[in-house]
Amino acid sequence: MLAVTILAARWTVLRLVVPPMSAQIGMGCIALALMLVAEFGLVLLICGLKIRDYLATRDPVSGTACYVLLIVFAIMPLVIARSCN
């Protein structure tokens, strides 16, 4: 997940040339929101679970790792843009 996040952020930032820092943060937040909507929407649709039940059944270690990677996913456009300049 981390490798795909880095590659996708690099491609997106270089292709779209998003200059200001606020736009990079906004891009990451929108991407995170869309990712969470997709994840929770699929859980509701496929598993028939409520969001509260889904979060309660997550393994503490893998759940934490997943949500840390989602935060990294949100800030990656900013990190990549800073490293390319």
PDB file of N, CA and C in Angstrom:
ATOM      1  N   MET A   1       0.824  -1.190   0.000  1.00  0.00           N
ATOM      2  CA  MET A   1       0.000   0.000   0.000  1.00  0.00           C
ATOM      3  C   MET A   1       0.874   1.262   0.000  1.00  0.00           C
ATOM      4  N   LEU A   2       1.950   1.228   0.764  1.00  0.00           N
ATOM      5  CA  LEU A   2       2.839   2.391   0.825  1.00  0.00           C
ATOM      6  C   LEU A   2       3.518   2.648  -0.518  1.00  0.00           C
ATOM      7  N   ALA A   3       3.974   1.602  -1.170  1.00  0.00           N
ATOM      8  CA  ALA A   3       4.637   1.767  -2.468  1.00  0.00           C
ATOM      9  C   ALA A   3       3.682   2.338  -3.514  1.00  0.00           C
ATOM     10  N   VAL A   4       2.476   1.845  -3.552  1.00  0.00           N
ATOM     11  CA  VAL A   4       1.480   2.346  -4.505  1.00  0.00           C
ATOM     12  C   VAL A   4       1.130   3.796  -4.183  1.00  0.00           C
ATOM     13  N   THR A   5       1.040   4.120  -2.895  1.00  0.00           N
ATOM     14  CA  THR A   5       0.759   5.496  -2.478  1.00  0.00           C
ATOM     15  C   THR A   5       1.851   6.441  -2.965  1.00  0.00           C
ATOM     16  N   ILE A   6       3.096   6.051  -2.795  1.00  0.00           N
ATOM     17  CA  ILE A   6       4.215   6.897  -3.222  1.00  0.00           C
ATOM     18  C   ILE A   6       4.221   7.066  -4.739  1.00  0.00           C
ATOM     19  N   LEU A   7       4.050   5.971  -5.456  1.00  0.00           N
ATOM     20  CA  LEU A   7       4.052   6.049  -6.924  1.00  0.00           C
ATOM     21  C   LEU A   7       2.881   6.879  -7.443  1.00  0.00           C
ATOM     22  N   ALA A   8       1.705   6.668  -6.896  1.00  0.00           N
ATOM     23  CA  ALA A   8       0.528   7.414  -7.349  1.00  0.00           C
ATOM     24  C   ALA A   8       0.657   8.897  -7.018  1.00  0.00           C
ATOM     25  N   ALA A   9       1.156   9.214  -5.829  1.00  0.00           N
ATOM     26  CA  ALA A   9       1.323  10.621  -5.455  1.00  0.00           C
ATOM     27  C   ALA A   9       2.361  11.289  -6.339  1.00  0.00           C
ATOM     28  N   ARG A  10       3.439  10.602  -6.609  1.00  0.00           N
ATOM     29  CA  ARG A  10       4.488  11.170  -7.465  1.00  0.00           C
ATOM     30  C   ARG A  10       3.954  11.438  -8.867  1.00  0.00           C
ATOM     31  N   TRP A  11       3.259  10.481  -9.433  1.00  0.00           N
ATOM     32  CA  TRP A  11       2.707  10.645 -10.772  1.00  0.00           C
ATOM     33  C   TRP A  11       1.709  11.793 -10.796  1.00  0.00           C
ATOM     34  N   THR A  12       0.832  11.853  -9.795  1.00  0.00           N
ATOM     35  CA  THR A  12      -0.206  12.880  -9.761  1.00  0.00           C
ATOM     36  C   THR A  12       0.381  14.273  -9.581  1.00  0.00           C
ATOM     37  N   VAL A  13       1.293  14.413  -8.635  1.00  0.00           N
ATOM     38  CA  VAL A  13       1.881  15.736  -8.371  1.00  0.00           C
ATOM     39  C   VAL A  13       2.688  16.230  -9.568  1.00  0.00           C
ATOM     40  N   LEU A  14       3.456  15.355 -10.185  1.00  0.00           N
ATOM     41  CA  LEU A  14       4.262  15.770 -11.336  1.00  0.00           C
ATOM     42  C   LEU A  14       3.393  16.028 -12.565  1.00  0.00           C
ATOM     43  N   ARG A  15       2.365  15.242 -12.748  1.00  0.00           N
ATOM     44  CA  ARG A  15       1.506  15.393 -13.920  1.00  0.00           C
ATOM     45  C   ARG A  15       0.611  16.628 -13.819  1.00  0.00           C
ATOM     46  N   LEU A  16       0.045  16.868 -12.627  1.00  0.00           N
ATOM     47  CA  LEU A  16      -0.891  17.980 -12.472  1.00  0.00           C
ATOM     48  C   LEU A  16      -0.223  19.285 -12.064  1.00  0.00           C
ATOM     49  N   VAL A  17       1.024  19.245 -11.655  1.00  0.00           N
ATOM     50  CA  VAL A  17       1.787  20.410 -11.237  1.00  0.00           C
ATOM     51  C   VAL A  17       0.952  21.273 -10.281  1.00  0.00           C
ATOM     52  N   VAL A  18       0.751  20.773  -9.085  1.00  0.00           N
ATOM     53  CA  VAL A  18      -0.045  21.458  -8.068  1.00  0.00           C
ATOM     54  C   VAL A  18       0.904  22.310  -7.230  1.00  0.00           C
ATOM     55  N   PRO A  19       0.998  23.631  -7.509  1.00  0.00           N
ATOM     56  CA  PRO A  19       2.041  24.433  -6.881  1.00  0.00           C
ATOM     57  C   PRO A  19       1.864  24.785  -5.391  1.00  0.00           C
ATOM     58  N   PRO A  20       0.780  25.425  -4.968  1.00  0.00           N
ATOM     59  CA  PRO A  20       0.769  25.896  -3.580  1.00  0.00           C
ATOM     60  C   PRO A  20       0.574  24.764  -2.574  1.00  0.00           C
ATOM     61  N   MET A  21       1.139  24.979  -1.395  1.00  0.00           N
ATOM     62  CA  MET A  21       1.053  23.962  -0.349  1.00  0.00           C
ATOM     63  C   MET A  21      -0.394  23.683   0.036  1.00  0.00           C
ATOM     64  N   SER A  22      -1.246  24.687   0.069  1.00  0.00           N
ATOM     65  CA  SER A  22      -2.647  24.469   0.435  1.00  0.00           C
ATOM     66  C   SER A  22      -3.349  23.566  -0.572  1.00  0.00           C
ATOM     67  N   ALA A  23      -3.002  23.672  -1.836  1.00  0.00           N
ATOM     68  CA  ALA A  23      -3.594  22.803  -2.858  1.00  0.00           C
ATOM     69  C   ALA A  23      -3.117  21.366  -2.693  1.00  0.00           C
ATOM     70  N   GLN A  24      -1.866  21.192  -2.307  1.00  0.00           N
ATOM     71  CA  GLN A  24      -1.335  19.843  -2.083  1.00  0.00           C
ATOM     72  C   GLN A  24      -2.011  19.187  -0.886  1.00  0.00           C
ATOM     73  N   ILE A  25      -2.204  19.957   0.177  1.00  0.00           N
ATOM     74  CA  ILE A  25      -2.896  19.425   1.354  1.00  0.00           C
ATOM     75  C   ILE A  25      -4.352  19.134   1.016  1.00  0.00           C
ATOM     76  N   GLY A  26      -4.965  20.025   0.262  1.00  0.00           N
ATOM     77  CA  GLY A  26      -6.354  19.808  -0.160  1.00  0.00           C
ATOM     78  C   GLY A  26      -6.502  18.568  -1.023  1.00  0.00           C
ATOM     79  N   MET A  27      -5.540  18.360  -1.933  1.00  0.00           N
ATOM     80  CA  MET A  27      -5.555  17.175  -2.783  1.00  0.00           C
ATOM     81  C   MET A  27      -5.491  15.899  -1.933  1.00  0.00           C
ATOM     82  N   GLY A  28      -4.620  15.899  -0.936  1.00  0.00           N
ATOM     83  CA  GLY A  28      -4.495  14.739  -0.063  1.00  0.00           C
ATOM     84  C   GLY A  28      -5.749  14.503   0.766  1.00  0.00           C
ATOM     85  N   CYS A  29      -6.362  15.568   1.253  1.00  0.00           N
ATOM     86  CA  CYS A  29      -7.582  15.426   2.062  1.00  0.00           C
ATOM     87  C   CYS A  29      -8.754  14.919   1.226  1.00  0.00           C
ATOM     88  N   ILE A  30      -8.873  15.411   0.016  1.00  0.00           N
ATOM     89  CA  ILE A  30      -9.934  14.920  -0.869  1.00  0.00           C
ATOM     90  C   ILE A  30      -9.711  13.452  -1.205  1.00  0.00           C
ATOM     91  N   ALA A  31      -8.478  13.086  -1.481  1.00  0.00           N
ATOM     92  CA  ALA A  31      -8.158  11.684  -1.775  1.00  0.00           C
ATOM     93  C   ALA A  31      -8.467  10.798  -0.572  1.00  0.00           C
ATOM     94  N   LEU A  32      -8.138  11.268   0.627  1.00  0.00           N
ATOM     95  CA  LEU A  32      -8.442  10.504   1.841  1.00  0.00           C
ATOM     96  C   LEU A  32      -9.943  10.358   2.029  1.00  0.00           C
ATOM     97  N   ALA A  33     -10.686  11.426   1.826  1.00  0.00           N
ATOM     98  CA  ALA A  33     -12.143  11.354   1.967  1.00  0.00           C
ATOM     99  C   ALA A  33     -12.742  10.363   0.980  1.00  0.00           C
ATOM    100  N   LEU A  34     -12.285  10.408  -0.262  1.00  0.00           N
ATOM    101  CA  LEU A  34     -12.790   9.460  -1.266  1.00  0.00           C
ATOM    102  C   LEU A  34     -12.421   8.015  -0.914  1.00  0.00           C
ATOM    103  N   MET A  35     -11.219   7.823  -0.391  1.00  0.00           N
ATOM    104  CA  MET A  35     -10.785   6.481   0.005  1.00  0.00           C
ATOM    105  C   MET A  35     -11.653   5.944   1.144  1.00  0.00           C
ATOM    106  N   LEU A  36     -11.936   6.783   2.141  1.00  0.00           N
ATOM    107  CA  LEU A  36     -12.754   6.348   3.270  1.00  0.00           C
ATOM    108  C   LEU A  36     -14.194   6.094   2.858  1.00  0.00           C
ATOM    109  N   VAL A  37     -14.734   6.923   1.977  1.00  0.00           N
ATOM    110  CA  VAL A  37     -16.091   6.695   1.471  1.00  0.00           C
ATOM    111  C   VAL A  37     -16.151   5.359   0.734  1.00  0.00           C
ATOM    112  N   ALA A  38     -15.147   5.086  -0.085  1.00  0.00           N
ATOM    113  CA  ALA A  38     -15.109   3.810  -0.811  1.00  0.00           C
ATOM    114  C   ALA A  38     -14.976   2.637   0.155  1.00  0.00           C
ATOM    115  N   GLU A  39     -14.075   2.754   1.131  1.00  0.00           N
ATOM    116  CA  GLU A  39     -13.862   1.655   2.068  1.00  0.00           C
ATOM    117  C   GLU A  39     -15.118   1.375   2.894  1.00  0.00           C
ATOM    118  N   PHE A  40     -15.675   2.407   3.489  1.00  0.00           N
ATOM    119  CA  PHE A  40     -16.861   2.202   4.331  1.00  0.00           C
ATOM    120  C   PHE A  40     -18.082   1.841   3.497  1.00  0.00           C
ATOM    121  N   GLY A  41     -18.181   2.395   2.298  1.00  0.00           N
ATOM    122  CA  GLY A  41     -19.297   2.046   1.420  1.00  0.00           C
ATOM    123  C   GLY A  41     -19.271   0.580   1.021  1.00  0.00           C
ATOM    124  N   LEU A  42     -18.077   0.073   0.700  1.00  0.00           N
ATOM    125  CA  LEU A  42     -17.964  -1.341   0.348  1.00  0.00           C
ATOM    126  C   LEU A  42     -18.231  -2.243   1.546  1.00  0.00           C
ATOM    127  N   VAL A  43     -17.822  -1.817   2.728  1.00  0.00           N
ATOM    128  CA  VAL A  43     -18.092  -2.608   3.931  1.00  0.00           C
ATOM    129  C   VAL A  43     -19.591  -2.697   4.163  1.00  0.00           C
ATOM    130  N   LEU A  44     -20.272  -1.580   4.019  1.00  0.00           N
ATOM    131  CA  LEU A  44     -21.719  -1.578   4.209  1.00  0.00           C
ATOM    132  C   LEU A  44     -22.408  -2.426   3.149  1.00  0.00           C
ATOM    133  N   LEU A  45     -21.920  -2.332   1.927  1.00  0.00           N
ATOM    134  CA  LEU A  45     -22.550  -3.048   0.816  1.00  0.00           C
ATOM    135  C   LEU A  45     -22.239  -4.540   0.831  1.00  0.00           C
ATOM    136  N   ILE A  46     -20.984  -4.904   0.923  1.00  0.00           N
ATOM    137  CA  ILE A  46     -20.573  -6.302   0.802  1.00  0.00           C
ATOM    138  C   ILE A  46     -20.789  -7.091   2.084  1.00  0.00           C
ATOM    139  N   CYS A  47     -20.333  -6.545   3.194  1.00  0.00           N
ATOM    140  CA  CYS A  47     -20.391  -7.287   4.458  1.00  0.00           C
ATOM    141  C   CYS A  47     -21.684  -7.068   5.224  1.00  0.00           C
ATOM    142  N   GLY A  48     -22.390  -6.020   4.912  1.00  0.00           N
ATOM    143  CA  GLY A  48     -23.617  -5.728   5.630  1.00  0.00           C
ATOM    144  C   GLY A  48     -23.378  -5.272   7.063  1.00  0.00           C
ATOM    145  N   LEU A  49     -22.188  -4.773   7.344  1.00  0.00           N
ATOM    146  CA  LEU A  49     -21.865  -4.309   8.688  1.00  0.00           C
ATOM    147  C   LEU A  49     -22.121  -2.819   8.806  1.00  0.00           C
ATOM    148  N   LYS A  50     -22.406  -2.382  10.017  1.00  0.00           N
ATOM    149  CA  LYS A  50     -22.450  -0.957  10.298  1.00  0.00           C
ATOM    150  C   LYS A  50     -21.004  -0.507  10.517  1.00  0.00           C
ATOM    151  N   ILE A  51     -20.762   0.776  10.335  1.00  0.00           N
ATOM    152  CA  ILE A  51     -19.397   1.290  10.480  1.00  0.00           C
ATOM    153  C   ILE A  51     -18.868   1.022  11.879  1.00  0.00           C
ATOM    154  N   ARG A  52     -19.705   1.182  12.895  1.00  0.00           N
ATOM    155  CA  ARG A  52     -19.284   0.926  14.273  1.00  0.00           C
ATOM    156  C   ARG A  52     -18.861  -0.534  14.453  1.00  0.00           C
ATOM    157  N   ASP A  53     -19.636  -1.463  13.875  1.00  0.00           N
ATOM    158  CA  ASP A  53     -19.284  -2.886  13.974  1.00  0.00           C
ATOM    159  C   ASP A  53     -17.995  -3.197  13.219  1.00  0.00           C
ATOM    160  N   TYR A  54     -17.832  -2.579  12.064  1.00  0.00           N
ATOM    161  CA  TYR A  54     -16.619  -2.783  11.267  1.00  0.00           C
ATOM    162  C   TYR A  54     -15.384  -2.330  12.034  1.00  0.00           C
ATOM    163  N   LEU A  55     -15.445  -1.144  12.624  1.00  0.00           N
ATOM    164  CA  LEU A  55     -14.303  -0.637  13.382  1.00  0.00           C
ATOM    165  C   LEU A  55     -14.039  -1.472  14.633  1.00  0.00           C
ATOM    166  N   ALA A  56     -15.093  -2.024  15.242  1.00  0.00           N
ATOM    167  CA  ALA A  56     -14.934  -2.841  16.452  1.00  0.00           C
ATOM    168  C   ALA A  56     -14.278  -4.181  16.144  1.00  0.00           C
ATOM    169  N   THR A  57     -14.462  -4.689  14.927  1.00  0.00           N
ATOM    170  CA  THR A  57     -13.908  -6.000  14.576  1.00  0.00           C
ATOM    171  C   THR A  57     -12.498  -5.925  14.000  1.00  0.00           C
ATOM    172  N   ARG A  58     -11.968  -4.722  13.829  1.00  0.00           N
ATOM    173  CA  ARG A  58     -10.619  -4.586  13.280  1.00  0.00           C
ATOM    174  C   ARG A  58      -9.584  -5.062  14.291  1.00  0.00           C
ATOM    175  N   ASP A  59      -8.582  -5.748  13.808  1.00  0.00           N
ATOM    176  CA  ASP A  59      -7.456  -6.150  14.641  1.00  0.00           C
ATOM    177  C   ASP A  59      -6.713  -4.889  15.068  1.00  0.00           C
ATOM    178  N   PRO A  60      -6.339  -4.771  16.347  1.00  0.00           N
ATOM    179  CA  PRO A  60      -5.686  -3.536  16.805  1.00  0.00           C
ATOM    180  C   PRO A  60      -4.395  -3.198  16.048  1.00  0.00           C
ATOM    181  N   VAL A  61      -3.596  -4.204  15.730  1.00  0.00           N
ATOM    182  CA  VAL A  61      -2.322  -3.936  15.055  1.00  0.00           C
ATOM    183  C   VAL A  61      -2.547  -3.600  13.581  1.00  0.00           C
ATOM    184  N   SER A  62      -3.243  -4.440  12.861  1.00  0.00           N
ATOM    185  CA  SER A  62      -3.446  -4.181  11.437  1.00  0.00           C
ATOM    186  C   SER A  62      -4.357  -2.981  11.217  1.00  0.00           C
ATOM    187  N   GLY A  63      -5.318  -2.771  12.097  1.00  0.00           N
ATOM    188  CA  GLY A  63      -6.184  -1.599  11.990  1.00  0.00           C
ATOM    189  C   GLY A  63      -5.397  -0.316  12.173  1.00  0.00           C
ATOM    190  N   THR A  64      -4.524  -0.304  13.159  1.00  0.00           N
ATOM    191  CA  THR A  64      -3.689   0.874  13.391  1.00  0.00           C
ATOM    192  C   THR A  64      -2.764   1.122  12.212  1.00  0.00           C
ATOM    193  N   ALA A  65      -2.148   0.064  11.709  1.00  0.00           N
ATOM    194  CA  ALA A  65      -1.256   0.208  10.546  1.00  0.00           C
ATOM    195  C   ALA A  65      -2.024   0.748   9.338  1.00  0.00           C
ATOM    196  N   CYS A  66      -3.224   0.271   9.139  1.00  0.00           N
ATOM    197  CA  CYS A  66      -4.045   0.726   8.011  1.00  0.00           C
ATOM    198  C   CYS A  66      -4.351   2.212   8.130  1.00  0.00           C
ATOM    199  N   TYR A  67      -4.736   2.650   9.306  1.00  0.00           N
ATOM    200  CA  TYR A  67      -5.103   4.053   9.465  1.00  0.00           C
ATOM    201  C   TYR A  67      -3.878   4.971   9.464  1.00  0.00           C
ATOM    202  N   VAL A  68      -2.749   4.490   9.917  1.00  0.00           N
ATOM    203  CA  VAL A  68      -1.505   5.276   9.797  1.00  0.00           C
ATOM    204  C   VAL A  68      -1.154   5.440   8.317  1.00  0.00           C
ATOM    205  N   LEU A  69      -1.299   4.365   7.549  1.00  0.00           N
ATOM    206  CA  LEU A  69      -1.023   4.459   6.115  1.00  0.00           C
ATOM    207  C   LEU A  69      -2.021   5.362   5.402  1.00  0.00           C
ATOM    208  N   LEU A  70      -3.252   5.434   5.883  1.00  0.00           N
ATOM    209  CA  LEU A  70      -4.218   6.360   5.293  1.00  0.00           C
ATOM    210  C   LEU A  70      -3.814   7.816   5.561  1.00  0.00           C
ATOM    211  N   ILE A  71      -3.260   8.079   6.729  1.00  0.00           N
ATOM    212  CA  ILE A  71      -2.764   9.426   7.022  1.00  0.00           C
ATOM    213  C   ILE A  71      -1.565   9.745   6.132  1.00  0.00           C
ATOM    214  N   VAL A  72      -0.679   8.772   5.966  1.00  0.00           N
ATOM    215  CA  VAL A  72       0.465   8.946   5.052  1.00  0.00           C
ATOM    216  C   VAL A  72      -0.050   9.195   3.635  1.00  0.00           C
ATOM    217  N   PHE A  73      -1.084   8.480   3.242  1.00  0.00           N
ATOM    218  CA  PHE A  73      -1.722   8.652   1.934  1.00  0.00           C
ATOM    219  C   PHE A  73      -2.193  10.095   1.760  1.00  0.00           C
ATOM    220  N   ALA A  74      -2.758  10.677   2.819  1.00  0.00           N
ATOM    221  CA  ALA A  74      -3.282  12.040   2.730  1.00  0.00           C
ATOM    222  C   ALA A  74      -2.176  13.085   2.618  1.00  0.00           C
ATOM    223  N   ILE A  75      -1.042  12.867   3.271  1.00  0.00           N
ATOM    224  CA  ILE A  75       0.021  13.878   3.236  1.00  0.00           C
ATOM    225  C   ILE A  75       1.053  13.637   2.141  1.00  0.00           C
ATOM    226  N   MET A  76       0.948  12.525   1.442  1.00  0.00           N
ATOM    227  CA  MET A  76       1.951  12.180   0.436  1.00  0.00           C
ATOM    228  C   MET A  76       2.071  13.203  -0.695  1.00  0.00           C
ATOM    229  N   PRO A  77       0.988  13.815  -1.208  1.00  0.00           N
ATOM    230  CA  PRO A  77       1.196  14.833  -2.256  1.00  0.00           C
ATOM    231  C   PRO A  77       2.097  15.976  -1.786  1.00  0.00           C
ATOM    232  N   LEU A  78       1.956  16.392  -0.548  1.00  0.00           N
ATOM    233  CA  LEU A  78       2.806  17.447   0.003  1.00  0.00           C
ATOM    234  C   LEU A  78       4.254  16.978   0.111  1.00  0.00           C
ATOM    235  N   VAL A  79       4.457  15.787   0.593  1.00  0.00           N
ATOM    236  CA  VAL A  79       5.819  15.239   0.754  1.00  0.00           C
ATOM    237  C   VAL A  79       6.505  15.087  -0.596  1.00  0.00           C
ATOM    238  N   ILE A  80       5.794  14.548  -1.560  1.00  0.00           N
ATOM    239  CA  ILE A  80       6.374  14.335  -2.895  1.00  0.00           C
ATOM    240  C   ILE A  80       6.678  15.670  -3.559  1.00  0.00           C
ATOM    241  N   ALA A  81       5.783  16.636  -3.452  1.00  0.00           N
ATOM    242  CA  ALA A  81       6.018  17.941  -4.079  1.00  0.00           C
ATOM    243  C   ALA A  81       7.234  18.621  -3.461  1.00  0.00           C
ATOM    244  N   ARG A  82       7.409  18.480  -2.162  1.00  0.00           N
ATOM    245  CA  ARG A  82       8.559  19.081  -1.500  1.00  0.00           C
ATOM    246  C   ARG A  82       9.867  18.386  -1.915  1.00  0.00           C
ATOM    247  N   SER A  83       9.816  17.079  -2.101  1.00  0.00           N
ATOM    248  CA  SER A  83      11.034  16.361  -2.469  1.00  0.00           C
ATOM    249  C   SER A  83      11.417  16.567  -3.933  1.00  0.00           C
ATOM    250  N   CYS A  84      10.463  16.898  -4.770  1.00  0.00           N
ATOM    251  CA  CYS A  84      10.760  17.113  -6.206  1.00  0.00           C
ATOM    252  C   CYS A  84      11.272  18.517  -6.488  1.00  0.00           C
ATOM    253  N   ASN A  85      11.081  19.421  -5.559  1.00  0.00           N
ATOM    254  CA  ASN A  85      11.536  20.815  -5.792  1.00  0.00           C
ATOM    255  C   ASN A  85      12.916  21.038  -5.313  1.00  0.00           C
TER     256      ASN A  85
END
